[in-house]
N, C-alpha and C. Protein backbone atom coordinates (compact mmCIF):
# COMPACT_ATOMS: atom_id res chain seq x y z
N MET A 1 21.87 -14.90 -13.56
CA MET A 1 21.22 -14.84 -12.19
C MET A 1 19.68 -14.28 -12.32
N GLU A 2 18.86 -14.34 -11.13
CA GLU A 2 17.66 -14.70 -11.23
C GLU A 2 17.23 -13.17 -10.84
N GLN A 3 16.05 -12.51 -11.21
CA GLN A 3 15.65 -11.25 -10.84
C GLN A 3 14.03 -11.20 -10.90
N ILE A 4 13.50 -10.60 -9.99
CA ILE A 4 12.21 -10.44 -9.71
C ILE A 4 11.59 -8.99 -10.46
N ILE A 5 10.47 -9.26 -11.26
CA ILE A 5 10.05 -8.37 -11.86
C ILE A 5 8.68 -8.07 -11.44
N ASN A 6 8.14 -6.68 -11.23
CA ASN A 6 6.77 -6.38 -11.02
C ASN A 6 6.33 -6.29 -12.66
N ILE A 7 5.23 -7.00 -12.76
CA ILE A 7 4.72 -6.94 -14.28
C ILE A 7 4.24 -5.73 -14.47
N ARG A 8 3.77 -5.01 -13.48
CA ARG A 8 3.17 -3.70 -13.65
C ARG A 8 3.96 -2.54 -14.32
N GLU A 9 5.74 -3.12 -13.78
CA GLU A 9 6.32 -2.28 -14.57
C GLU A 9 6.73 -2.81 -15.70
N HIS A 10 6.66 -3.97 -16.07
CA HIS A 10 6.90 -4.86 -17.11
C HIS A 10 5.91 -5.28 -18.17
N PRO A 11 5.08 -4.63 -18.30
CA PRO A 11 3.69 -5.12 -19.07
C PRO A 11 3.81 -5.99 -20.15
N GLU A 12 4.85 -5.94 -20.68
CA GLU A 12 5.12 -7.11 -21.91
C GLU A 12 5.27 -8.62 -21.49
N TRP A 13 5.17 -8.77 -20.13
CA TRP A 13 5.16 -9.99 -19.69
C TRP A 13 3.83 -10.58 -19.40
N LEU A 14 2.78 -9.53 -20.10
CA LEU A 14 1.36 -9.71 -19.26
C LEU A 14 0.60 -11.13 -19.83
N GLU A 15 0.89 -11.50 -21.23
CA GLU A 15 0.15 -12.76 -21.71
C GLU A 15 1.04 -13.88 -21.39
N LEU A 16 2.38 -13.93 -21.16
CA LEU A 16 2.92 -15.20 -20.52
C LEU A 16 3.04 -15.30 -19.06
N ALA A 17 2.85 -14.06 -18.32
CA ALA A 17 2.23 -14.60 -16.85
C ALA A 17 0.99 -15.21 -16.83
N ALA A 18 -0.01 -14.75 -17.67
CA ALA A 18 -1.07 -15.38 -17.33
C ALA A 18 -1.20 -16.82 -17.88
N ASP A 19 -0.47 -17.08 -18.92
CA ASP A 19 -0.39 -18.56 -19.21
C ASP A 19 0.29 -19.21 -18.18
N TYR A 20 1.38 -18.86 -17.24
CA TYR A 20 2.64 -19.25 -16.50
C TYR A 20 1.39 -19.80 -15.65
N PHE A 21 0.82 -18.59 -14.83
CA PHE A 21 0.15 -19.10 -13.81
C PHE A 21 -1.22 -20.23 -13.87
N SER A 22 -1.94 -19.52 -15.00
CA SER A 22 -2.88 -20.85 -15.09
C SER A 22 -2.50 -21.96 -15.36
N SER A 23 -1.55 -22.37 -16.06
CA SER A 23 -0.99 -23.43 -16.29
C SER A 23 -0.38 -24.06 -15.06
N ARG A 24 0.09 -23.45 -14.08
CA ARG A 24 0.88 -23.83 -12.70
C ARG A 24 -0.07 -24.14 -11.49
N TRP A 25 -1.34 -23.64 -11.76
CA TRP A 25 -2.42 -23.70 -10.96
C TRP A 25 -3.73 -24.38 -11.40
N ASN A 26 -3.56 -24.64 -12.53
CA ASN A 26 -5.06 -25.10 -13.05
C ASN A 26 -6.39 -24.31 -13.14
N ILE A 27 -6.10 -22.81 -12.97
CA ILE A 27 -7.16 -22.10 -12.69
C ILE A 27 -7.12 -21.25 -14.09
N ASP A 28 -8.61 -20.64 -14.25
CA ASP A 28 -8.88 -20.54 -15.59
C ASP A 28 -8.14 -19.08 -16.06
N ARG A 29 -7.15 -19.30 -17.30
CA ARG A 29 -6.38 -18.46 -17.72
C ARG A 29 -7.04 -17.10 -17.40
N GLN A 30 -8.39 -16.74 -17.97
CA GLN A 30 -9.02 -15.53 -18.14
C GLN A 30 -8.92 -14.62 -16.61
N LEU A 31 -8.95 -15.29 -15.70
CA LEU A 31 -8.79 -15.01 -14.48
C LEU A 31 -7.74 -14.23 -14.09
N TYR A 32 -6.72 -14.91 -14.25
CA TYR A 32 -5.27 -14.16 -14.26
C TYR A 32 -4.76 -13.34 -15.05
N LEU A 33 -5.50 -13.31 -16.36
CA LEU A 33 -5.17 -12.28 -17.20
C LEU A 33 -5.81 -10.83 -16.45
N ASP A 34 -7.30 -11.09 -16.30
CA ASP A 34 -7.98 -9.98 -15.87
C ASP A 34 -7.24 -9.42 -14.62
N SER A 35 -6.94 -10.15 -13.67
CA SER A 35 -6.08 -9.49 -12.25
C SER A 35 -4.86 -9.04 -12.87
N ILE A 36 -4.03 -9.94 -13.52
CA ILE A 36 -2.83 -9.52 -13.89
C ILE A 36 -2.93 -7.87 -14.86
N SER A 37 -3.82 -7.90 -15.76
CA SER A 37 -4.28 -6.38 -16.51
C SER A 37 -4.40 -5.65 -15.57
N ASP A 38 -5.19 -5.78 -14.64
CA ASP A 38 -5.66 -4.65 -13.35
C ASP A 38 -4.45 -4.15 -13.05
N SER A 39 -3.75 -5.01 -12.48
CA SER A 39 -2.53 -4.61 -11.81
C SER A 39 -1.62 -3.58 -12.59
N ILE A 40 -1.65 -3.72 -13.62
CA ILE A 40 -0.81 -2.76 -14.60
C ILE A 40 -1.83 -1.37 -14.90
N THR A 41 -3.10 -1.20 -14.68
CA THR A 41 -3.71 -0.11 -14.77
C THR A 41 -4.20 0.59 -13.64
N THR A 42 -4.59 -0.12 -12.56
CA THR A 42 -5.00 0.02 -11.36
C THR A 42 -4.11 1.55 -10.66
N LEU A 43 -5.14 2.19 -10.11
CA LEU A 43 -4.82 3.30 -9.13
C LEU A 43 -4.56 2.47 -7.79
N GLU A 44 -5.12 1.42 -7.55
CA GLU A 44 -5.17 1.26 -5.88
C GLU A 44 -3.84 0.64 -6.12
N ALA A 45 -3.81 -0.08 -4.60
CA ALA A 45 -2.48 -0.82 -4.24
C ALA A 45 -2.63 -2.13 -4.70
N LEU A 46 -3.83 -2.82 -4.83
CA LEU A 46 -3.73 -4.00 -5.30
C LEU A 46 -4.69 -4.26 -6.39
N PRO A 47 -4.63 -5.23 -7.47
CA PRO A 47 -3.64 -6.44 -7.37
C PRO A 47 -2.29 -6.08 -7.75
N ARG A 48 -0.95 -6.78 -7.57
CA ARG A 48 0.08 -6.77 -8.08
C ARG A 48 0.73 -8.22 -8.09
N TRP A 49 1.52 -7.99 -9.48
CA TRP A 49 1.78 -9.55 -9.78
C TRP A 49 3.59 -9.61 -10.09
N TYR A 50 4.22 -10.40 -9.45
CA TYR A 50 5.45 -10.74 -9.63
C TYR A 50 6.07 -11.86 -10.41
N LEU A 51 7.15 -11.87 -11.32
CA LEU A 51 7.80 -13.04 -11.91
C LEU A 51 9.19 -13.14 -11.63
N ILE A 52 9.93 -14.18 -11.43
CA ILE A 52 11.34 -14.43 -11.15
C ILE A 52 12.04 -15.00 -12.25
N LEU A 53 12.98 -14.46 -12.92
CA LEU A 53 12.95 -14.77 -14.00
C LEU A 53 14.68 -15.15 -14.23
N ARG A 54 14.95 -15.91 -15.14
CA ARG A 54 16.42 -16.63 -15.08
C ARG A 54 17.09 -15.79 -15.99
N ASN A 55 18.48 -15.91 -16.12
CA ASN A 55 19.21 -14.93 -16.75
C ASN A 55 18.57 -13.81 -17.44
N ALA A 56 18.23 -12.81 -16.23
CA ALA A 56 17.81 -11.70 -16.19
C ALA A 56 18.72 -10.65 -15.70
N THR A 57 19.20 -9.95 -16.56
CA THR A 57 20.52 -9.05 -15.88
C THR A 57 19.56 -7.49 -16.40
N SER A 58 19.82 -6.64 -15.69
CA SER A 58 19.42 -4.81 -16.57
C SER A 58 20.89 -4.36 -16.69
N CYS A 59 20.86 -3.83 -17.66
CA CYS A 59 21.82 -2.95 -18.12
C CYS A 59 21.53 -1.26 -17.84
N ASN A 60 22.59 -1.33 -17.02
CA ASN A 60 22.46 0.37 -16.23
C ASN A 60 21.02 0.58 -15.78
N ALA A 61 20.68 -0.58 -15.03
CA ALA A 61 19.39 -0.36 -14.39
C ALA A 61 19.41 0.77 -13.35
N LYS A 62 18.35 1.55 -12.95
CA LYS A 62 18.05 2.78 -12.09
C LYS A 62 17.76 1.38 -10.75
N PRO A 63 18.00 2.15 -9.63
CA PRO A 63 17.94 1.22 -8.24
C PRO A 63 16.57 0.91 -8.11
N ASP A 64 15.35 1.80 -8.88
CA ASP A 64 14.04 1.44 -8.60
C ASP A 64 13.55 0.10 -9.47
N ASN A 65 14.52 -0.07 -10.21
CA ASN A 65 14.55 -1.36 -11.20
C ASN A 65 13.37 -1.12 -12.33
N SER A 66 13.18 0.40 -12.67
CA SER A 66 12.52 1.03 -13.65
C SER A 66 12.96 0.68 -15.27
N GLU A 67 14.36 0.10 -15.24
CA GLU A 67 14.73 -0.15 -16.62
C GLU A 67 14.06 -1.50 -17.21
N PRO A 68 14.07 -1.54 -18.33
CA PRO A 68 13.52 -2.98 -18.68
C PRO A 68 14.81 -3.88 -18.49
N TYR A 69 14.67 -5.33 -18.21
CA TYR A 69 15.61 -6.29 -18.33
C TYR A 69 16.19 -6.86 -19.62
N ASN A 70 17.23 -7.31 -19.66
CA ASN A 70 17.91 -8.15 -20.92
C ASN A 70 17.46 -9.35 -20.42
N ALA A 71 16.35 -9.76 -20.87
CA ALA A 71 15.90 -11.21 -20.87
C ALA A 71 15.16 -11.40 -21.92
N ASP A 72 15.09 -12.74 -22.81
CA ASP A 72 13.97 -12.56 -23.86
C ASP A 72 12.59 -13.09 -23.14
N ILE A 73 11.97 -12.75 -23.83
CA ILE A 73 10.63 -12.59 -23.29
C ILE A 73 9.90 -13.77 -23.71
N THR A 74 10.26 -15.23 -22.82
CA THR A 74 9.82 -16.01 -23.49
C THR A 74 9.43 -16.90 -21.86
N GLY A 75 8.52 -17.76 -22.17
CA GLY A 75 8.11 -18.34 -21.17
C GLY A 75 9.02 -19.41 -20.28
N ASP A 76 10.33 -19.82 -20.96
CA ASP A 76 11.20 -20.29 -21.12
C ASP A 76 12.17 -19.84 -19.91
N ASN A 77 12.17 -18.37 -19.55
CA ASN A 77 12.65 -17.34 -18.69
C ASN A 77 12.17 -17.71 -17.32
N ILE A 78 10.79 -17.59 -17.00
CA ILE A 78 9.94 -17.81 -16.03
C ILE A 78 10.22 -19.10 -14.99
N ILE A 79 11.04 -18.68 -13.79
CA ILE A 79 10.88 -19.91 -12.79
C ILE A 79 10.24 -19.84 -11.85
N GLY A 80 9.48 -18.74 -11.76
CA GLY A 80 8.57 -18.94 -10.51
C GLY A 80 7.83 -17.49 -10.52
N GLY A 81 7.00 -16.92 -9.37
CA GLY A 81 6.00 -16.24 -9.28
C GLY A 81 5.11 -15.86 -8.05
N PHE A 82 4.38 -14.72 -7.92
CA PHE A 82 3.21 -14.88 -6.82
C PHE A 82 2.49 -13.77 -7.25
N GLY A 83 1.34 -13.52 -6.69
CA GLY A 83 0.69 -12.30 -6.57
C GLY A 83 0.33 -11.60 -5.60
N LEU A 84 0.39 -10.39 -5.12
CA LEU A 84 -0.66 -9.89 -4.04
C LEU A 84 -1.83 -9.24 -4.44
N ILE A 85 -2.87 -9.87 -3.87
CA ILE A 85 -4.27 -9.59 -4.00
C ILE A 85 -5.15 -9.44 -2.88
N ASP A 86 -6.33 -8.91 -3.27
CA ASP A 86 -6.96 -8.38 -2.26
C ASP A 86 -7.96 -9.60 -1.43
N ASN A 87 -8.20 -10.71 -2.04
CA ASN A 87 -8.70 -11.71 -1.66
C ASN A 87 -8.49 -13.07 -2.57
N ASP A 88 -8.05 -14.33 -1.75
CA ASP A 88 -7.46 -15.29 -2.33
C ASP A 88 -8.38 -16.44 -2.10
N PHE A 89 -9.76 -16.30 -2.59
CA PHE A 89 -10.88 -17.30 -2.30
C PHE A 89 -11.19 -17.31 -1.10
N MET A 90 -11.12 -16.64 -0.33
CA MET A 90 -11.40 -16.40 1.31
C MET A 90 -12.51 -16.02 1.48
N VAL A 91 -13.46 -16.45 2.73
CA VAL A 91 -14.64 -15.79 2.76
C VAL A 91 -14.31 -14.69 3.91
N ARG A 92 -12.79 -14.53 4.64
CA ARG A 92 -12.57 -13.52 5.40
C ARG A 92 -11.94 -12.53 4.69
N THR A 93 -13.11 -11.32 4.18
CA THR A 93 -12.66 -10.47 3.35
C THR A 93 -11.78 -8.90 3.99
N ASP A 94 -11.71 -9.28 5.31
CA ASP A 94 -11.33 -8.37 6.43
C ASP A 94 -9.90 -8.56 6.29
N LEU A 95 -9.24 -9.52 5.98
CA LEU A 95 -7.70 -9.58 5.98
C LEU A 95 -7.01 -9.69 4.46
N TYR A 96 -6.13 -8.62 4.34
CA TYR A 96 -5.65 -8.42 3.18
C TYR A 96 -4.17 -7.86 3.12
N PRO A 97 -3.35 -7.47 2.35
CA PRO A 97 -3.28 -8.42 1.08
C PRO A 97 -3.25 -10.03 1.18
N TRP A 98 -3.17 -10.80 0.24
CA TRP A 98 -3.23 -12.10 0.37
C TRP A 98 -2.09 -12.20 -0.97
N MET A 99 -0.95 -13.09 -0.11
CA MET A 99 0.15 -13.64 -0.99
C MET A 99 -0.63 -14.86 -1.64
N CYS A 100 -0.39 -14.95 -3.25
CA CYS A 100 -1.43 -16.00 -3.72
C CYS A 100 -0.30 -16.36 -4.96
N ALA A 101 -0.58 -17.67 -5.59
CA ALA A 101 0.13 -18.35 -6.45
C ALA A 101 1.62 -18.66 -6.65
N LEU A 102 2.09 -18.61 -5.06
CA LEU A 102 3.60 -18.75 -4.88
C LEU A 102 3.86 -19.84 -5.68
N TYR A 103 4.88 -19.92 -6.58
CA TYR A 103 5.21 -21.31 -7.14
C TYR A 103 6.67 -21.07 -8.01
N ILE A 104 7.41 -22.14 -7.51
CA ILE A 104 8.94 -22.28 -8.10
C ILE A 104 8.76 -23.73 -9.18
N GLU A 105 9.53 -23.32 -10.00
CA GLU A 105 9.77 -24.41 -10.89
C GLU A 105 10.35 -25.78 -10.20
N PRO A 106 9.92 -26.89 -10.51
CA PRO A 106 10.66 -27.94 -9.72
C PRO A 106 12.49 -27.84 -9.82
N ALA A 107 12.71 -27.92 -11.24
CA ALA A 107 14.20 -27.78 -11.33
C ALA A 107 14.96 -26.74 -10.67
N GLU A 108 14.15 -25.57 -10.12
CA GLU A 108 14.93 -24.19 -9.32
C GLU A 108 14.90 -24.83 -7.87
N ARG A 109 14.10 -25.48 -7.52
CA ARG A 109 13.60 -25.76 -6.21
C ARG A 109 15.06 -26.13 -5.40
N GLY A 110 15.49 -25.48 -4.08
CA GLY A 110 16.22 -25.92 -3.26
C GLY A 110 17.44 -25.03 -3.37
N LYS A 111 16.83 -23.61 -3.95
CA LYS A 111 18.06 -22.77 -4.04
C LYS A 111 17.55 -21.44 -3.41
N LYS A 112 16.48 -21.87 -2.38
CA LYS A 112 16.07 -20.63 -1.69
C LYS A 112 15.12 -19.44 -2.49
N LEU A 113 14.79 -19.96 -3.67
CA LEU A 113 13.73 -18.70 -4.34
C LEU A 113 12.78 -18.53 -4.04
N GLY A 114 11.97 -19.50 -3.35
CA GLY A 114 10.83 -19.39 -2.64
C GLY A 114 10.93 -18.55 -1.29
N GLU A 115 12.01 -18.86 -0.38
CA GLU A 115 12.01 -17.77 0.51
C GLU A 115 12.22 -16.44 0.01
N LYS A 116 13.30 -16.39 -1.15
CA LYS A 116 12.96 -14.87 -1.80
C LYS A 116 12.24 -14.11 -2.14
N LEU A 117 10.87 -15.08 -2.90
CA LEU A 117 10.10 -14.44 -2.96
C LEU A 117 8.76 -14.12 -1.85
N LEU A 118 8.93 -15.07 -0.74
CA LEU A 118 8.17 -14.35 0.52
C LEU A 118 8.69 -13.54 1.04
N GLU A 119 10.21 -13.21 1.15
CA GLU A 119 10.54 -11.72 1.54
C GLU A 119 10.19 -10.71 0.92
N HIS A 120 10.22 -11.13 -0.74
CA HIS A 120 9.80 -10.13 -1.65
C HIS A 120 8.46 -9.26 -1.28
N SER A 121 7.51 -10.43 -0.82
CA SER A 121 6.08 -10.50 -0.68
C SER A 121 5.83 -9.38 0.23
N ARG A 122 6.61 -9.51 1.35
CA ARG A 122 6.77 -8.56 2.41
C ARG A 122 7.19 -7.43 2.30
N CYS A 123 8.23 -7.24 1.85
CA CYS A 123 8.45 -6.04 1.34
C CYS A 123 7.90 -5.29 0.45
N GLU A 124 7.22 -5.81 -0.65
CA GLU A 124 6.29 -5.18 -1.44
C GLU A 124 5.13 -4.87 -0.43
N ALA A 125 4.45 -5.48 0.03
CA ALA A 125 3.32 -5.16 1.00
C ALA A 125 3.63 -3.91 1.82
N ALA A 126 4.77 -4.02 2.43
CA ALA A 126 5.07 -2.46 3.29
C ALA A 126 4.96 -1.38 2.32
N SER A 127 5.79 -1.77 1.10
CA SER A 127 5.82 -0.37 0.21
C SER A 127 4.40 0.12 -0.34
N LEU A 128 3.48 -0.81 -0.22
CA LEU A 128 2.09 -0.48 -1.17
C LEU A 128 1.25 -0.11 0.43
N GLY A 129 1.89 0.16 1.59
CA GLY A 129 1.28 0.72 2.81
C GLY A 129 0.76 -0.34 3.84
N PHE A 130 0.95 -1.42 3.42
CA PHE A 130 0.15 -3.02 4.64
C PHE A 130 1.21 -2.95 5.59
N ASN A 131 0.69 -3.52 6.72
CA ASN A 131 1.38 -4.17 7.85
C ASN A 131 1.55 -5.48 7.89
N LYS A 132 0.68 -6.10 7.28
CA LYS A 132 0.80 -7.69 7.29
C LYS A 132 0.52 -7.96 5.99
N VAL A 133 0.64 -9.51 5.76
CA VAL A 133 0.57 -10.45 4.43
C VAL A 133 -0.15 -11.69 4.76
N TYR A 134 -1.15 -12.04 4.18
CA TYR A 134 -1.73 -13.48 4.48
C TYR A 134 -1.45 -14.44 2.94
N LEU A 135 -1.64 -15.87 3.67
CA LEU A 135 -1.73 -16.72 2.42
C LEU A 135 -2.40 -17.88 3.23
N ASN A 136 -2.78 -18.27 2.12
CA ASN A 136 -3.73 -19.76 2.68
C ASN A 136 -2.92 -20.84 1.77
N THR A 137 -2.99 -22.07 2.70
CA THR A 137 -2.23 -23.28 1.81
C THR A 137 -2.60 -24.64 2.69
N ASP A 138 -2.28 -25.65 2.24
CA ASP A 138 -2.25 -27.06 2.81
C ASP A 138 -0.97 -27.27 3.14
N HIS A 139 0.15 -26.56 2.96
CA HIS A 139 1.18 -27.04 3.37
C HIS A 139 1.51 -26.73 5.13
N ILE A 140 2.21 -27.77 5.51
CA ILE A 140 2.52 -27.56 7.03
C ILE A 140 3.85 -27.56 7.39
N GLY A 141 4.51 -26.33 7.76
CA GLY A 141 5.64 -26.83 8.06
C GLY A 141 6.56 -25.95 7.25
N TYR A 142 6.39 -25.63 6.08
CA TYR A 142 7.15 -24.66 5.32
C TYR A 142 7.32 -23.35 5.65
N TYR A 143 5.91 -22.70 5.50
CA TYR A 143 5.92 -21.00 5.92
C TYR A 143 6.31 -20.91 7.20
N GLU A 144 6.53 -21.78 8.24
CA GLU A 144 6.88 -21.48 9.57
C GLU A 144 8.60 -21.25 9.59
N LYS A 145 8.90 -21.71 8.89
CA LYS A 145 10.75 -21.76 8.35
C LYS A 145 11.07 -20.17 8.12
N TYR A 146 9.92 -19.51 7.49
CA TYR A 146 10.17 -18.21 6.98
C TYR A 146 9.59 -16.84 7.56
N ASN A 147 9.18 -17.56 9.10
CA ASN A 147 8.62 -16.58 10.05
C ASN A 147 7.13 -15.97 9.66
N TRP A 148 6.47 -16.99 8.95
CA TRP A 148 5.32 -16.49 8.68
C TRP A 148 4.49 -17.67 10.15
N SER A 149 3.16 -16.98 10.42
CA SER A 149 2.64 -17.84 11.78
C SER A 149 1.24 -17.92 11.15
N TYR A 150 1.08 -19.59 11.71
CA TYR A 150 -0.41 -19.83 11.34
C TYR A 150 -1.30 -19.34 12.29
N ILE A 151 -2.53 -18.70 12.06
CA ILE A 151 -3.25 -18.10 12.24
C ILE A 151 -4.86 -18.81 12.89
N GLY A 152 -4.89 -20.12 11.69
CA GLY A 152 -5.89 -20.58 11.89
C GLY A 152 -6.78 -21.21 10.76
N ASP A 153 -7.67 -21.98 10.70
CA ASP A 153 -8.25 -22.46 9.55
C ASP A 153 -9.72 -21.69 9.22
N PHE A 154 -9.82 -21.33 7.98
CA PHE A 154 -10.70 -20.36 7.87
C PHE A 154 -11.47 -20.89 6.79
N ALA A 155 -12.63 -20.30 6.50
CA ALA A 155 -13.45 -20.62 5.15
C ALA A 155 -13.29 -20.29 4.10
N HIS A 156 -12.93 -21.12 2.90
CA HIS A 156 -12.42 -21.07 1.80
C HIS A 156 -13.82 -21.12 0.79
N GLN A 157 -13.71 -20.18 -0.42
CA GLN A 157 -14.94 -20.00 -1.03
C GLN A 157 -15.43 -21.52 -1.86
N SER A 158 -14.46 -22.52 -1.59
CA SER A 158 -14.62 -23.72 -2.20
C SER A 158 -15.58 -24.43 -1.09
N GLY A 159 -15.53 -24.16 -0.11
CA GLY A 159 -16.62 -24.83 0.65
C GLY A 159 -15.75 -25.53 1.75
N THR A 160 -14.54 -25.52 1.79
CA THR A 160 -13.59 -26.39 2.58
C THR A 160 -12.73 -25.31 3.32
N ASP A 161 -12.15 -25.91 4.61
CA ASP A 161 -11.40 -24.92 5.27
C ASP A 161 -9.99 -24.75 4.71
N ALA A 162 -9.09 -23.88 5.03
CA ALA A 162 -7.76 -23.51 4.50
C ALA A 162 -6.86 -22.87 5.71
N ARG A 163 -5.61 -23.44 5.70
CA ARG A 163 -4.83 -22.91 6.56
C ARG A 163 -4.50 -21.73 6.12
N VAL A 164 -4.63 -20.82 7.29
CA VAL A 164 -3.90 -19.59 6.98
C VAL A 164 -3.15 -18.80 7.90
N TYR A 165 -1.98 -18.11 6.90
CA TYR A 165 -0.84 -17.55 7.94
C TYR A 165 -0.72 -16.32 7.70
N GLU A 166 0.04 -15.50 8.75
CA GLU A 166 0.17 -14.07 8.46
C GLU A 166 1.56 -14.00 8.35
N ALA A 167 2.16 -12.96 7.94
CA ALA A 167 3.54 -12.40 8.36
C ALA A 167 3.62 -10.75 8.38
N ASP A 168 4.29 -10.43 9.25
CA ASP A 168 4.58 -9.05 9.32
C ASP A 168 5.08 -8.41 7.83
N ALA A 169 4.61 -7.21 7.52
CA ALA A 169 5.33 -6.38 6.26
C ALA A 169 6.66 -6.11 6.62
N ILE A 170 7.57 -5.82 5.98
CA ILE A 170 9.18 -5.54 6.03
C ILE A 170 9.34 -4.27 5.45
N ARG A 171 9.42 -3.25 6.21
CA ARG A 171 9.71 -2.06 6.28
C ARG A 171 10.79 -1.32 5.48
N ASP A 172 12.25 -1.92 5.68
CA ASP A 172 13.31 -1.55 5.49
C ASP A 172 14.51 -2.97 5.50
N LEU A 173 15.67 -2.70 4.96
CA LEU A 173 16.53 -3.56 4.93
C LEU A 173 17.01 -3.81 6.26
N GLU A 174 17.31 -2.70 7.17
CA GLU A 174 17.30 -3.04 8.50
C GLU A 174 16.72 -4.08 9.14
N GLU A 175 15.10 -3.63 9.16
CA GLU A 175 14.39 -4.83 9.63
C GLU A 175 14.63 -5.97 8.93
N MET A 176 14.59 -6.24 7.66
CA MET A 176 14.83 -7.46 7.02
C MET A 176 15.94 -8.12 7.56
N SER A 177 17.19 -7.39 7.84
CA SER A 177 18.11 -8.29 8.34
C SER A 177 18.20 -8.69 9.80
N LYS A 178 17.15 -8.12 10.48
CA LYS A 178 17.01 -8.83 11.98
C LYS A 178 15.96 -10.04 11.70
N ILE A 179 15.46 -10.16 10.67
CA ILE A 179 14.81 -11.58 10.54
C ILE A 179 15.50 -12.72 10.47
N VAL A 180 15.53 -13.52 11.21
CA VAL A 180 16.23 -14.83 11.50
C VAL A 180 15.29 -16.04 11.07
N ARG A 181 15.83 -16.97 10.60
CA ARG A 181 14.85 -18.25 10.37
C ARG A 181 14.82 -18.76 11.80
N GLN A 182 13.57 -19.13 12.23
CA GLN A 182 13.36 -19.72 13.57
C GLN A 182 13.50 -21.09 13.56
N GLU A 183 14.67 -21.46 14.18
CA GLU A 183 14.66 -23.14 14.41
C GLU A 183 14.19 -23.61 15.62
N PRO A 184 13.51 -24.78 15.40
CA PRO A 184 13.06 -25.46 16.64
C PRO A 184 13.99 -25.37 17.94
N LYS A 185 13.39 -25.05 19.06
CA LYS A 185 14.29 -25.32 19.91
C LYS A 185 14.52 -26.78 20.40
N ARG A 186 16.37 -26.84 20.80
CA ARG A 186 16.16 -28.29 21.15
C ARG A 186 16.32 -28.52 22.87
N GLN A 187 15.70 -29.35 23.52
CA GLN A 187 15.72 -29.73 24.20
C GLN A 187 17.05 -30.30 24.94
N ARG A 188 17.57 -29.84 26.20
CA ARG A 188 18.91 -30.29 26.63
C ARG A 188 18.66 -31.60 27.32
N LEU A 189 19.11 -32.62 27.26
CA LEU A 189 19.21 -33.74 28.05
C LEU A 189 19.87 -33.82 29.33
N PHE A 190 20.79 -32.95 29.81
CA PHE A 190 21.48 -33.23 30.70
C PHE A 190 21.14 -32.12 31.60
């Protein structure tokens, strides 16, 4: 069974998480290591980093997930992850938090794990006191299926523009249960 962990609560995953994100996004490992390390020690709401692990079960875990998970601490158990950060290389510094580095291993795709991480990011953002979550991407059509709204193209620090999406933070399970995947409206032909 898969389990999402907050690396802040499981710092034993720090090094493997930095390796994982760096290898998947081809971004300098030190950038990830610094941000993930900061997520463990900061008193601020951001950054936060999460992994989704396979074969992770908890033994007598507390509801707040503070118990360590029964999973071997190896890169083979990481099947995806994401971060919540204050800026994802965007010029717009007034928008935050940013969901970044969302990744699901190709062999694990099609199992709704991306959807699970998107929802988790929204719940975590709410628990950290935020009303919205943002992300930038070059994908069209994926995030809309999960109630993310395209809000425009904004300048990226790379010098290009990036598609930016926002979603409301999810404050409670009742609110989450109201979220219905939006299906395209079908036109009646008669």
